[in-house]
Amino acid sequence: MPLYEHVYLARQDVSTQQVEELTAQFKGVIEQMGGTVPKLEYWGVKSLTFRIRKNRKAHFTLMNVDAPPAALAEIERQERINEDVLRYLTVRVEELEEGPFARMRKGDPDRELDEPRG
């Protein structure tokens, strides 16, 4: 089966628990259609570069997915319908990355540029 990285952004005013429920719902759809989700990463609330539907911040969640294309099409359809999801992006990859995502690793030089100095 093809491998994907799927990221979605949820509105800032929903709770972390609601974001976890959304993630569990999407994971359930993938597993129901014969796929697996080997890794989930909740990145927290981050500032957006520009407003999306009047939101300046959003909850970011990454899902590594090993599933048929129909499963991804279904969760994307559900995300379009859901009012709490601002944006989503799915990218097909050759292999899934092991360990934490590059931007979340401690000691990452790029991450240090994003942190306020002080």
PDB file of N, CA and C in Angstrom:
ATOM      1  N   MET A   1       0.841  -1.187   0.000  1.00  0.00           N
ATOM      2  CA  MET A   1       0.000   0.000   0.000  1.00  0.00           C
ATOM      3  C   MET A   1       0.880   1.242   0.000  1.00  0.00           C
ATOM      4  N   PRO A   2       0.376   2.312  -0.579  1.00  0.00           N
ATOM      5  CA  PRO A   2       1.153   3.555  -0.597  1.00  0.00           C
ATOM      6  C   PRO A   2       1.283   4.165   0.801  1.00  0.00           C
ATOM      7  N   LEU A   3       2.333   4.940   0.992  1.00  0.00           N
ATOM      8  CA  LEU A   3       2.597   5.602   2.267  1.00  0.00           C
ATOM      9  C   LEU A   3       2.341   7.096   2.119  1.00  0.00           C
ATOM     10  N   TYR A   4       1.761   7.691   3.148  1.00  0.00           N
ATOM     11  CA  TYR A   4       1.408   9.105   3.114  1.00  0.00           C
ATOM     12  C   TYR A   4       1.782   9.789   4.424  1.00  0.00           C
ATOM     13  N   GLU A   5       2.034  11.091   4.343  1.00  0.00           N
ATOM     14  CA  GLU A   5       2.086  11.963   5.510  1.00  0.00           C
ATOM     15  C   GLU A   5       0.888  12.891   5.376  1.00  0.00           C
ATOM     16  N   HIS A   6       0.078  12.930   6.408  1.00  0.00           N
ATOM     17  CA  HIS A   6      -1.152  13.729   6.387  1.00  0.00           C
ATOM     18  C   HIS A   6      -1.129  14.688   7.572  1.00  0.00           C
ATOM     19  N   VAL A   7      -1.271  15.975   7.306  1.00  0.00           N
ATOM     20  CA  VAL A   7      -1.302  16.994   8.353  1.00  0.00           C
ATOM     21  C   VAL A   7      -2.638  17.723   8.248  1.00  0.00           C
ATOM     22  N   TYR A   8      -3.269  17.928   9.397  1.00  0.00           N
ATOM     23  CA  TYR A   8      -4.468  18.771   9.374  1.00  0.00           C
ATOM     24  C   TYR A   8      -4.397  19.815  10.472  1.00  0.00           C
ATOM     25  N   LEU A   9      -5.072  20.935  10.227  1.00  0.00           N
ATOM     26  CA  LEU A   9      -5.115  22.056  11.157  1.00  0.00           C
ATOM     27  C   LEU A   9      -6.539  22.201  11.661  1.00  0.00           C
ATOM     28  N   ALA A  10      -6.691  22.231  12.984  1.00  0.00           N
ATOM     29  CA  ALA A  10      -7.999  22.415  13.607  1.00  0.00           C
ATOM     30  C   ALA A  10      -8.062  23.817  14.216  1.00  0.00           C
ATOM     31  N   ARG A  11      -9.262  24.351  14.314  1.00  0.00           N
ATOM     32  CA  ARG A  11      -9.448  25.706  14.866  1.00  0.00           C
ATOM     33  C   ARG A  11      -8.830  25.827  16.253  1.00  0.00           C
ATOM     34  N   GLN A  12      -8.400  27.039  16.589  1.00  0.00           N
ATOM     35  CA  GLN A  12      -7.734  27.272  17.871  1.00  0.00           C
ATOM     36  C   GLN A  12      -8.691  27.205  19.054  1.00  0.00           C
ATOM     37  N   ASP A  13      -9.971  27.441  18.843  1.00  0.00           N
ATOM     38  CA  ASP A  13     -10.893  27.475  19.977  1.00  0.00           C
ATOM     39  C   ASP A  13     -11.471  26.105  20.339  1.00  0.00           C
ATOM     40  N   VAL A  14     -11.101  25.042  19.634  1.00  0.00           N
ATOM     41  CA  VAL A  14     -11.507  23.702  20.069  1.00  0.00           C
ATOM     42  C   VAL A  14     -10.481  23.206  21.090  1.00  0.00           C
ATOM     43  N   SER A  15     -10.912  22.328  21.962  1.00  0.00           N
ATOM     44  CA  SER A  15     -10.010  21.841  23.014  1.00  0.00           C
ATOM     45  C   SER A  15      -9.082  20.760  22.462  1.00  0.00           C
ATOM     46  N   THR A  16      -8.027  20.496  23.209  1.00  0.00           N
ATOM     47  CA  THR A  16      -7.087  19.443  22.827  1.00  0.00           C
ATOM     48  C   THR A  16      -7.790  18.093  22.790  1.00  0.00           C
ATOM     49  N   GLN A  17      -8.721  17.895  23.706  1.00  0.00           N
ATOM     50  CA  GLN A  17      -9.472  16.640  23.740  1.00  0.00           C
ATOM     51  C   GLN A  17     -10.304  16.468  22.461  1.00  0.00           C
ATOM     52  N   GLN A  18     -10.912  17.546  21.968  1.00  0.00           N
ATOM     53  CA  GLN A  18     -11.693  17.466  20.738  1.00  0.00           C
ATOM     54  C   GLN A  18     -10.791  17.149  19.542  1.00  0.00           C
ATOM     55  N   VAL A  19      -9.574  17.699  19.543  1.00  0.00           N
ATOM     56  CA  VAL A  19      -8.628  17.402  18.469  1.00  0.00           C
ATOM     57  C   VAL A  19      -8.239  15.924  18.521  1.00  0.00           C
ATOM     58  N   GLU A  20      -8.034  15.386  19.723  1.00  0.00           N
ATOM     59  CA  GLU A  20      -7.706  13.968  19.867  1.00  0.00           C
ATOM     60  C   GLU A  20      -8.857  13.093  19.389  1.00  0.00           C
ATOM     61  N   GLU A  21     -10.092  13.516  19.642  1.00  0.00           N
ATOM     62  CA  GLU A  21     -11.260  12.770  19.175  1.00  0.00           C
ATOM     63  C   GLU A  21     -11.344  12.792  17.651  1.00  0.00           C
ATOM     64  N   LEU A  22     -11.056  13.943  17.046  1.00  0.00           N
ATOM     65  CA  LEU A  22     -11.025  14.032  15.587  1.00  0.00           C
ATOM     66  C   LEU A  22      -9.975  13.090  15.013  1.00  0.00           C
ATOM     67  N   THR A  23      -8.788  13.099  15.625  1.00  0.00           N
ATOM     68  CA  THR A  23      -7.707  12.233  15.168  1.00  0.00           C
ATOM     69  C   THR A  23      -8.109  10.770  15.292  1.00  0.00           C
ATOM     70  N   ALA A  24      -8.741  10.411  16.394  1.00  0.00           N
ATOM     71  CA  ALA A  24      -9.199   9.026  16.588  1.00  0.00           C
ATOM     72  C   ALA A  24     -10.253   8.653  15.546  1.00  0.00           C
ATOM     73  N   GLN A  25     -11.113   9.598  15.212  1.00  0.00           N
ATOM     74  CA  GLN A  25     -12.138   9.352  14.199  1.00  0.00           C
ATOM     75  C   GLN A  25     -11.490   9.093  12.834  1.00  0.00           C
ATOM     76  N   PHE A  26     -10.525   9.932  12.450  1.00  0.00           N
ATOM     77  CA  PHE A  26      -9.852   9.757  11.165  1.00  0.00           C
ATOM     78  C   PHE A  26      -9.049   8.453  11.141  1.00  0.00           C
ATOM     79  N   LYS A  27      -8.406   8.142  12.261  1.00  0.00           N
ATOM     80  CA  LYS A  27      -7.637   6.901  12.358  1.00  0.00           C
ATOM     81  C   LYS A  27      -8.570   5.696  12.219  1.00  0.00           C
ATOM     82  N   GLY A  28      -9.742   5.771  12.825  1.00  0.00           N
ATOM     83  CA  GLY A  28     -10.724   4.689  12.720  1.00  0.00           C
ATOM     84  C   GLY A  28     -11.185   4.462  11.291  1.00  0.00           C
ATOM     85  N   VAL A  29     -11.377   5.539  10.540  1.00  0.00           N
ATOM     86  CA  VAL A  29     -11.790   5.415   9.140  1.00  0.00           C
ATOM     87  C   VAL A  29     -10.698   4.712   8.334  1.00  0.00           C
ATOM     88  N   ILE A  30      -9.454   5.108   8.567  1.00  0.00           N
ATOM     89  CA  ILE A  30      -8.333   4.496   7.844  1.00  0.00           C
ATOM     90  C   ILE A  30      -8.233   3.011   8.157  1.00  0.00           C
ATOM     91  N   GLU A  31      -8.330   2.662   9.444  1.00  0.00           N
ATOM     92  CA  GLU A  31      -8.228   1.256   9.839  1.00  0.00           C
ATOM     93  C   GLU A  31      -9.410   0.442   9.343  1.00  0.00           C
ATOM     94  N   GLN A  32     -10.580   1.065   9.286  1.00  0.00           N
ATOM     95  CA  GLN A  32     -11.773   0.389   8.795  1.00  0.00           C
ATOM     96  C   GLN A  32     -11.643   0.053   7.304  1.00  0.00           C
ATOM     97  N   MET A  33     -10.902   0.887   6.575  1.00  0.00           N
ATOM     98  CA  MET A  33     -10.744   0.674   5.136  1.00  0.00           C
ATOM     99  C   MET A  33      -9.463  -0.106   4.813  1.00  0.00           C
ATOM    100  N   GLY A  34      -8.861  -0.734   5.814  1.00  0.00           N
ATOM    101  CA  GLY A  34      -7.742  -1.629   5.571  1.00  0.00           C
ATOM    102  C   GLY A  34      -6.367  -1.003   5.675  1.00  0.00           C
ATOM    103  N   GLY A  35      -6.247   0.169   6.249  1.00  0.00           N
ATOM    104  CA  GLY A  35      -4.957   0.826   6.391  1.00  0.00           C
ATOM    105  C   GLY A  35      -4.482   0.837   7.835  1.00  0.00           C
ATOM    106  N   THR A  36      -3.307   1.409   8.037  1.00  0.00           N
ATOM    107  CA  THR A  36      -2.767   1.554   9.383  1.00  0.00           C
ATOM    108  C   THR A  36      -2.212   2.962   9.550  1.00  0.00           C
ATOM    109  N   VAL A  37      -2.127   3.377  10.812  1.00  0.00           N
ATOM    110  CA  VAL A  37      -1.529   4.667  11.168  1.00  0.00           C
ATOM    111  C   VAL A  37      -0.399   4.364  12.142  1.00  0.00           C
ATOM    112  N   PRO A  38       0.830   4.176  11.622  1.00  0.00           N
ATOM    113  CA  PRO A  38       1.931   3.794  12.509  1.00  0.00           C
ATOM    114  C   PRO A  38       2.384   4.901  13.454  1.00  0.00           C
ATOM    115  N   LYS A  39       2.157   6.169  13.096  1.00  0.00           N
ATOM    116  CA  LYS A  39       2.622   7.250  13.966  1.00  0.00           C
ATOM    117  C   LYS A  39       1.664   8.431  13.909  1.00  0.00           C
ATOM    118  N   LEU A  40       1.356   8.969  15.092  1.00  0.00           N
ATOM    119  CA  LEU A  40       0.571  10.202  15.237  1.00  0.00           C
ATOM    120  C   LEU A  40       1.407  11.185  16.027  1.00  0.00           C
ATOM    121  N   GLU A  41       1.405  12.431  15.625  1.00  0.00           N
ATOM    122  CA  GLU A  41       2.094  13.473  16.385  1.00  0.00           C
ATOM    123  C   GLU A  41       1.183  14.683  16.496  1.00  0.00           C
ATOM    124  N   TYR A  42       0.921  15.077  17.726  1.00  0.00           N
ATOM    125  CA  TYR A  42       0.187  16.315  17.972  1.00  0.00           C
ATOM    126  C   TYR A  42       1.234  17.395  18.230  1.00  0.00           C
ATOM    127  N   TRP A  43       1.258  18.427  17.390  1.00  0.00           N
ATOM    128  CA  TRP A  43       2.286  19.467  17.492  1.00  0.00           C
ATOM    129  C   TRP A  43       1.864  20.630  18.370  1.00  0.00           C
ATOM    130  N   GLY A  44       0.618  20.664  18.790  1.00  0.00           N
ATOM    131  CA  GLY A  44       0.152  21.748  19.643  1.00  0.00           C
ATOM    132  C   GLY A  44      -0.447  22.901  18.848  1.00  0.00           C
ATOM    133  N   VAL A  45      -0.683  23.994  19.555  1.00  0.00           N
ATOM    134  CA  VAL A  45      -1.243  25.193  18.929  1.00  0.00           C
ATOM    135  C   VAL A  45      -0.089  26.054  18.440  1.00  0.00           C
ATOM    136  N   LYS A  46      -0.101  26.356  17.163  1.00  0.00           N
ATOM    137  CA  LYS A  46       0.951  27.159  16.548  1.00  0.00           C
ATOM    138  C   LYS A  46       0.324  28.356  15.848  1.00  0.00           C
ATOM    139  N   SER A  47       1.095  29.417  15.729  1.00  0.00           N
ATOM    140  CA  SER A  47       0.644  30.607  15.010  1.00  0.00           C
ATOM    141  C   SER A  47       0.676  30.341  13.514  1.00  0.00           C
ATOM    142  N   LEU A  48      -0.298  30.886  12.821  1.00  0.00           N
ATOM    143  CA  LEU A  48      -0.363  30.773  11.371  1.00  0.00           C
ATOM    144  C   LEU A  48       0.295  31.996  10.739  1.00  0.00           C
ATOM    145  N   THR A  49       0.826  31.833   9.567  1.00  0.00           N
ATOM    146  CA  THR A  49       1.461  32.940   8.859  1.00  0.00           C
ATOM    147  C   THR A  49       0.426  33.967   8.437  1.00  0.00           C
ATOM    148  N   PHE A  50      -0.741  33.496   8.066  1.00  0.00           N
ATOM    149  CA  PHE A  50      -1.834  34.380   7.664  1.00  0.00           C
ATOM    150  C   PHE A  50      -3.132  33.815   8.217  1.00  0.00           C
ATOM    151  N   ARG A  51      -4.147  34.651   8.280  1.00  0.00           N
ATOM    152  CA  ARG A  51      -5.436  34.211   8.813  1.00  0.00           C
ATOM    153  C   ARG A  51      -6.084  33.187   7.892  1.00  0.00           C
ATOM    154  N   ILE A  52      -6.672  32.181   8.503  1.00  0.00           N
ATOM    155  CA  ILE A  52      -7.467  31.201   7.776  1.00  0.00           C
ATOM    156  C   ILE A  52      -8.832  31.188   8.444  1.00  0.00           C
ATOM    157  N   ARG A  53      -9.843  31.630   7.728  1.00  0.00           N
ATOM    158  CA  ARG A  53     -11.204  31.719   8.268  1.00  0.00           C
ATOM    159  C   ARG A  53     -11.221  32.426   9.619  1.00  0.00           C
ATOM    160  N   LYS A  54     -10.565  33.574   9.683  1.00  0.00           N
ATOM    161  CA  LYS A  54     -10.514  34.446  10.858  1.00  0.00           C
ATOM    162  C   LYS A  54      -9.755  33.843  12.043  1.00  0.00           C
ATOM    163  N   ASN A  55      -8.952  32.830  11.821  1.00  0.00           N
ATOM    164  CA  ASN A  55      -8.153  32.217  12.879  1.00  0.00           C
ATOM    165  C   ASN A  55      -6.694  32.588  12.695  1.00  0.00           C
ATOM    166  N   ARG A  56      -6.048  33.001  13.785  1.00  0.00           N
ATOM    167  CA  ARG A  56      -4.621  33.330  13.751  1.00  0.00           C
ATOM    168  C   ARG A  56      -3.748  32.179  14.245  1.00  0.00           C
ATOM    169  N   LYS A  57      -4.360  31.203  14.927  1.00  0.00           N
ATOM    170  CA  LYS A  57      -3.640  30.037  15.441  1.00  0.00           C
ATOM    171  C   LYS A  57      -4.439  28.790  15.104  1.00  0.00           C
ATOM    172  N   ALA A  58      -3.764  27.621  15.198  1.00  0.00           N
ATOM    173  CA  ALA A  58      -4.447  26.359  14.913  1.00  0.00           C
ATOM    174  C   ALA A  58      -3.733  25.216  15.624  1.00  0.00           C
ATOM    175  N   HIS A  59      -4.474  24.147  15.875  1.00  0.00           N
ATOM    176  CA  HIS A  59      -3.913  22.893  16.392  1.00  0.00           C
ATOM    177  C   HIS A  59      -3.373  22.125  15.186  1.00  0.00           C
ATOM    178  N   PHE A  60      -2.108  21.704  15.248  1.00  0.00           N
ATOM    179  CA  PHE A  60      -1.493  20.954  14.163  1.00  0.00           C
ATOM    180  C   PHE A  60      -1.363  19.487  14.566  1.00  0.00           C
ATOM    181  N   THR A  61      -1.723  18.574  13.655  1.00  0.00           N
ATOM    182  CA  THR A  61      -1.597  17.141  13.902  1.00  0.00           C
ATOM    183  C   THR A  61      -1.048  16.458  12.651  1.00  0.00           C
ATOM    184  N   LEU A  62      -0.024  15.623  12.840  1.00  0.00           N
ATOM    185  CA  LEU A  62       0.578  14.845  11.760  1.00  0.00           C
ATOM    186  C   LEU A  62       0.197  13.385  11.919  1.00  0.00           C
ATOM    187  N   MET A  63      -0.166  12.749  10.814  1.00  0.00           N
ATOM    188  CA  MET A  63      -0.463  11.319  10.802  1.00  0.00           C
ATOM    189  C   MET A  63       0.368  10.676   9.707  1.00  0.00           C
ATOM    190  N   ASN A  64       1.167   9.656  10.044  1.00  0.00           N
ATOM    191  CA  ASN A  64       1.805   8.825   9.025  1.00  0.00           C
ATOM    192  C   ASN A  64       0.821   7.718   8.702  1.00  0.00           C
ATOM    193  N   VAL A  65       0.542   7.525   7.427  1.00  0.00           N
ATOM    194  CA  VAL A  65      -0.528   6.628   7.022  1.00  0.00           C
ATOM    195  C   VAL A  65      -0.012   5.619   6.001  1.00  0.00           C
ATOM    196  N   ASP A  66      -0.382   4.366   6.196  1.00  0.00           N
ATOM    197  CA  ASP A  66      -0.133   3.293   5.242  1.00  0.00           C
ATOM    198  C   ASP A  66      -1.507   2.743   4.878  1.00  0.00           C
ATOM    199  N   ALA A  67      -2.079   3.241   3.774  1.00  0.00           N
ATOM    200  CA  ALA A  67      -3.462   2.912   3.455  1.00  0.00           C
ATOM    201  C   ALA A  67      -3.719   3.031   1.952  1.00  0.00           C
ATOM    202  N   PRO A  68      -4.809   2.422   1.490  1.00  0.00           N
ATOM    203  CA  PRO A  68      -5.179   2.591   0.085  1.00  0.00           C
ATOM    204  C   PRO A  68      -5.651   4.026  -0.174  1.00  0.00           C
ATOM    205  N   PRO A  69      -5.544   4.483  -1.405  1.00  0.00           N
ATOM    206  CA  PRO A  69      -5.950   5.859  -1.727  1.00  0.00           C
ATOM    207  C   PRO A  69      -7.397   6.176  -1.361  1.00  0.00           C
ATOM    208  N   ALA A  70      -8.277   5.183  -1.414  1.00  0.00           N
ATOM    209  CA  ALA A  70      -9.686   5.412  -1.083  1.00  0.00           C
ATOM    210  C   ALA A  70      -9.851   5.836   0.377  1.00  0.00           C
ATOM    211  N   ALA A  71      -9.018   5.317   1.264  1.00  0.00           N
ATOM    212  CA  ALA A  71      -9.099   5.688   2.684  1.00  0.00           C
ATOM    213  C   ALA A  71      -8.719   7.151   2.868  1.00  0.00           C
ATOM    214  N   LEU A  72      -7.678   7.606   2.178  1.00  0.00           N
ATOM    215  CA  LEU A  72      -7.275   9.008   2.269  1.00  0.00           C
ATOM    216  C   LEU A  72      -8.336   9.915   1.659  1.00  0.00           C
ATOM    217  N   ALA A  73      -8.929   9.485   0.571  1.00  0.00           N
ATOM    218  CA  ALA A  73      -9.993  10.275  -0.051  1.00  0.00           C
ATOM    219  C   ALA A  73     -11.166  10.437   0.915  1.00  0.00           C
ATOM    220  N   GLU A  74     -11.463   9.391   1.676  1.00  0.00           N
ATOM    221  CA  GLU A  74     -12.580   9.455   2.632  1.00  0.00           C
ATOM    222  C   GLU A  74     -12.281  10.400   3.790  1.00  0.00           C
ATOM    223  N   ILE A  75     -11.076  10.347   4.367  1.00  0.00           N
ATOM    224  CA  ILE A  75     -10.814  11.265   5.484  1.00  0.00           C
ATOM    225  C   ILE A  75     -10.721  12.706   4.989  1.00  0.00           C
ATOM    226  N   GLU A  76     -10.225  12.920   3.778  1.00  0.00           N
ATOM    227  CA  GLU A  76     -10.210  14.271   3.221  1.00  0.00           C
ATOM    228  C   GLU A  76     -11.628  14.782   2.993  1.00  0.00           C
ATOM    229  N   ARG A  77     -12.526  13.892   2.564  1.00  0.00           N
ATOM    230  CA  ARG A  77     -13.932  14.268   2.393  1.00  0.00           C
ATOM    231  C   ARG A  77     -14.539  14.673   3.738  1.00  0.00           C
ATOM    232  N   GLN A  78     -14.243  13.888   4.784  1.00  0.00           N
ATOM    233  CA  GLN A  78     -14.766  14.203   6.111  1.00  0.00           C
ATOM    234  C   GLN A  78     -14.179  15.508   6.644  1.00  0.00           C
ATOM    235  N   GLU A  79     -12.918  15.782   6.337  1.00  0.00           N
ATOM    236  CA  GLU A  79     -12.298  17.022   6.789  1.00  0.00           C
ATOM    237  C   GLU A  79     -12.892  18.235   6.083  1.00  0.00           C
ATOM    238  N   ARG A  80     -13.275  18.079   4.822  1.00  0.00           N
ATOM    239  CA  ARG A  80     -13.928  19.191   4.109  1.00  0.00           C
ATOM    240  C   ARG A  80     -15.268  19.526   4.744  1.00  0.00           C
ATOM    241  N   ILE A  81     -15.978  18.511   5.218  1.00  0.00           N
ATOM    242  CA  ILE A  81     -17.300  18.702   5.822  1.00  0.00           C
ATOM    243  C   ILE A  81     -17.195  19.287   7.227  1.00  0.00           C
ATOM    244  N   ASN A  82     -16.178  18.886   7.988  1.00  0.00           N
ATOM    245  CA  ASN A  82     -16.037  19.259   9.392  1.00  0.00           C
ATOM    246  C   ASN A  82     -15.668  20.742   9.527  1.00  0.00           C
ATOM    247  N   GLU A  83     -16.431  21.474  10.311  1.00  0.00           N
ATOM    248  CA  GLU A  83     -16.189  22.906  10.499  1.00  0.00           C
ATOM    249  C   GLU A  83     -14.966  23.207  11.357  1.00  0.00           C
ATOM    250  N   ASP A  84     -14.537  22.241  12.159  1.00  0.00           N
ATOM    251  CA  ASP A  84     -13.385  22.454  13.037  1.00  0.00           C
ATOM    252  C   ASP A  84     -12.054  22.329  12.305  1.00  0.00           C
ATOM    253  N   VAL A  85     -12.036  21.699  11.144  1.00  0.00           N
ATOM    254  CA  VAL A  85     -10.806  21.521  10.373  1.00  0.00           C
ATOM    255  C   VAL A  85     -10.645  22.704   9.422  1.00  0.00           C
ATOM    256  N   LEU A  86      -9.536  23.429   9.582  1.00  0.00           N
ATOM    257  CA  LEU A  86      -9.280  24.591   8.730  1.00  0.00           C
ATOM    258  C   LEU A  86      -8.636  24.193   7.409  1.00  0.00           C
ATOM    259  N   ARG A  87      -7.590  23.388   7.475  1.00  0.00           N
ATOM    260  CA  ARG A  87      -6.851  22.951   6.285  1.00  0.00           C
ATOM    261  C   ARG A  87      -6.313  21.556   6.511  1.00  0.00           C
ATOM    262  N   TYR A  88      -5.960  20.897   5.409  1.00  0.00           N
ATOM    263  CA  TYR A  88      -5.307  19.604   5.482  1.00  0.00           C
ATOM    264  C   TYR A  88      -4.396  19.473   4.272  1.00  0.00           C
ATOM    265  N   LEU A  89      -3.397  18.617   4.403  1.00  0.00           N
ATOM    266  CA  LEU A  89      -2.470  18.359   3.312  1.00  0.00           C
ATOM    267  C   LEU A  89      -2.013  16.909   3.408  1.00  0.00           C
ATOM    268  N   THR A  90      -2.100  16.206   2.291  1.00  0.00           N
ATOM    269  CA  THR A  90      -1.633  14.828   2.222  1.00  0.00           C
ATOM    270  C   THR A  90      -0.545  14.751   1.168  1.00  0.00           C
ATOM    271  N   VAL A  91       0.585  14.145   1.542  1.00  0.00           N
ATOM    272  CA  VAL A  91       1.718  13.991   0.632  1.00  0.00           C
ATOM    273  C   VAL A  91       2.094  12.518   0.587  1.00  0.00           C
ATOM    274  N   ARG A  92       2.231  11.991  -0.617  1.00  0.00           N
ATOM    275  CA  ARG A  92       2.674  10.601  -0.758  1.00  0.00           C
ATOM    276  C   ARG A  92       4.191  10.571  -0.637  1.00  0.00           C
ATOM    277  N   VAL A  93       4.701   9.631   0.156  1.00  0.00           N
ATOM    278  CA  VAL A  93       6.143   9.525   0.390  1.00  0.00           C
ATOM    279  C   VAL A  93       6.617   8.114   0.043  1.00  0.00           C
ATOM    280  N   GLU A  94       7.925   7.992  -0.195  1.00  0.00           N
ATOM    281  CA  GLU A  94       8.510   6.684  -0.507  1.00  0.00           C
ATOM    282  C   GLU A  94       8.635   5.825   0.751  1.00  0.00           C
ATOM    283  N   GLU A  95       9.011   6.468   1.871  1.00  0.00           N
ATOM    284  CA  GLU A  95       9.103   5.743   3.141  1.00  0.00           C
ATOM    285  C   GLU A  95       8.738   6.695   4.271  1.00  0.00           C
ATOM    286  N   LEU A  96       8.212   6.114   5.343  1.00  0.00           N
ATOM    287  CA  LEU A  96       7.808   6.918   6.487  1.00  0.00           C
ATOM    288  C   LEU A  96       9.013   7.225   7.355  1.00  0.00           C
ATOM    289  N   GLU A  97       9.071   8.444   7.868  1.00  0.00           N
ATOM    290  CA  GLU A  97      10.186   8.867   8.704  1.00  0.00           C
ATOM    291  C   GLU A  97      10.052   8.255  10.096  1.00  0.00           C
ATOM    292  N   GLU A  98      11.161   7.749  10.606  1.00  0.00           N
ATOM    293  CA  GLU A  98      11.184   7.183  11.949  1.00  0.00           C
ATOM    294  C   GLU A  98      11.502   8.279  12.957  1.00  0.00           C
ATOM    295  N   GLY A  99      11.046   8.125  14.184  1.00  0.00           N
ATOM    296  CA  GLY A  99      11.333   9.104  15.227  1.00  0.00           C
ATOM    297  C   GLY A  99      10.466  10.342  15.082  1.00  0.00           C
ATOM    298  N   PRO A 100      10.748  11.360  15.887  1.00  0.00           N
ATOM    299  CA  PRO A 100       9.944  12.584  15.827  1.00  0.00           C
ATOM    300  C   PRO A 100      10.191  13.346  14.533  1.00  0.00           C
ATOM    301  N   PHE A 101       9.203  14.100  14.137  1.00  0.00           N
ATOM    302  CA  PHE A 101       9.298  14.915  12.934  1.00  0.00           C
ATOM    303  C   PHE A 101      10.457  15.897  13.083  1.00  0.00           C
ATOM    304  N   ALA A 102      11.089  16.266  12.008  1.00  0.00           N
ATOM    305  CA  ALA A 102      12.309  17.080  12.029  1.00  0.00           C
ATOM    306  C   ALA A 102      12.133  18.392  12.788  1.00  0.00           C
ATOM    307  N   ARG A 103      11.014  19.048  12.678  1.00  0.00           N
ATOM    308  CA  ARG A 103      10.801  20.329  13.346  1.00  0.00           C
ATOM    309  C   ARG A 103      10.561  20.167  14.849  1.00  0.00           C
ATOM    310  N   MET A 104      10.302  18.947  15.314  1.00  0.00           N
ATOM    311  CA  MET A 104       9.990  18.723  16.719  1.00  0.00           C
ATOM    312  C   MET A 104      11.168  18.172  17.511  1.00  0.00           C
ATOM    313  N   ARG A 105      12.269  17.836  16.845  1.00  0.00           N
ATOM    314  CA  ARG A 105      13.429  17.285  17.548  1.00  0.00           C
ATOM    315  C   ARG A 105      14.112  18.342  18.387  1.00  0.00           C
ATOM    316  N   LYS A 106      14.588  17.952  19.560  1.00  0.00           N
ATOM    317  CA  LYS A 106      15.358  18.871  20.388  1.00  0.00           C
ATOM    318  C   LYS A 106      16.728  19.055  19.761  1.00  0.00           C
ATOM    319  N   GLY A 107      17.237  20.262  19.832  1.00  0.00           N
ATOM    320  CA  GLY A 107      18.561  20.541  19.295  1.00  0.00           C
ATOM    321  C   GLY A 107      18.562  20.774  17.801  1.00  0.00           C
ATOM    322  N   ASP A 108      17.393  20.844  17.182  1.00  0.00           N
ATOM    323  CA  ASP A 108      17.319  21.108  15.750  1.00  0.00           C
ATOM    324  C   ASP A 108      17.682  22.574  15.514  1.00  0.00           C
ATOM    325  N   PRO A 109      18.689  22.882  14.696  1.00  0.00           N
ATOM    326  CA  PRO A 109      19.098  24.274  14.506  1.00  0.00           C
ATOM    327  C   PRO A 109      17.993  25.142  13.910  1.00  0.00           C
ATOM    328  N   ASP A 110      17.127  24.569  13.066  1.00  0.00           N
ATOM    329  CA  ASP A 110      16.032  25.358  12.503  1.00  0.00           C
ATOM    330  C   ASP A 110      15.022  25.747  13.573  1.00  0.00           C
ATOM    331  N   ARG A 111      14.815  24.880  14.532  1.00  0.00           N
ATOM    332  CA  ARG A 111      13.847  25.150  15.594  1.00  0.00           C
ATOM    333  C   ARG A 111      14.299  26.325  16.448  1.00  0.00           C
ATOM    334  N   GLU A 112      15.605  26.430  16.677  1.00  0.00           N
ATOM    335  CA  GLU A 112      16.128  27.507  17.504  1.00  0.00           C
ATOM    336  C   GLU A 112      15.840  28.876  16.891  1.00  0.00           C
ATOM    337  N   LEU A 113      15.729  28.936  15.563  1.00  0.00           N
ATOM    338  CA  LEU A 113      15.437  30.202  14.908  1.00  0.00           C
ATOM    339  C   LEU A 113      14.010  30.648  15.186  1.00  0.00           C
ATOM    340  N   ASP A 114      13.093  29.685  15.390  1.00  0.00           N
ATOM    341  CA  ASP A 114      11.690  30.020  15.631  1.00  0.00           C
ATOM    342  C   ASP A 114      11.411  30.455  17.056  1.00  0.00           C
ATOM    343  N   GLU A 115      12.264  30.070  18.011  1.00  0.00           N
ATOM    344  CA  GLU A 115      12.003  30.371  19.406  1.00  0.00           C
ATOM    345  C   GLU A 115      12.396  31.814  19.721  1.00  0.00           C
ATOM    346  N   PRO A 116      11.590  32.496  20.538  1.00  0.00           N
ATOM    347  CA  PRO A 116      11.926  33.875  20.902  1.00  0.00           C
ATOM    348  C   PRO A 116      13.197  33.925  21.741  1.00  0.00           C
ATOM    349  N   ARG A 117      13.944  34.950  21.556  1.00  0.00           N
ATOM    350  CA  ARG A 117      15.185  35.098  22.325  1.00  0.00           C
ATOM    351  C   ARG A 117      14.900  35.939  23.549  1.00  0.00           C
ATOM    352  N   GLY A 118      15.646  35.625  24.615  1.00  0.00           N
ATOM    353  CA  GLY A 118      15.352  36.429  25.647  1.00  0.00           C
ATOM    354  C   GLY A 118      15.723  36.695  26.917  1.00  0.00           C
TER     355      GLY A 118
END
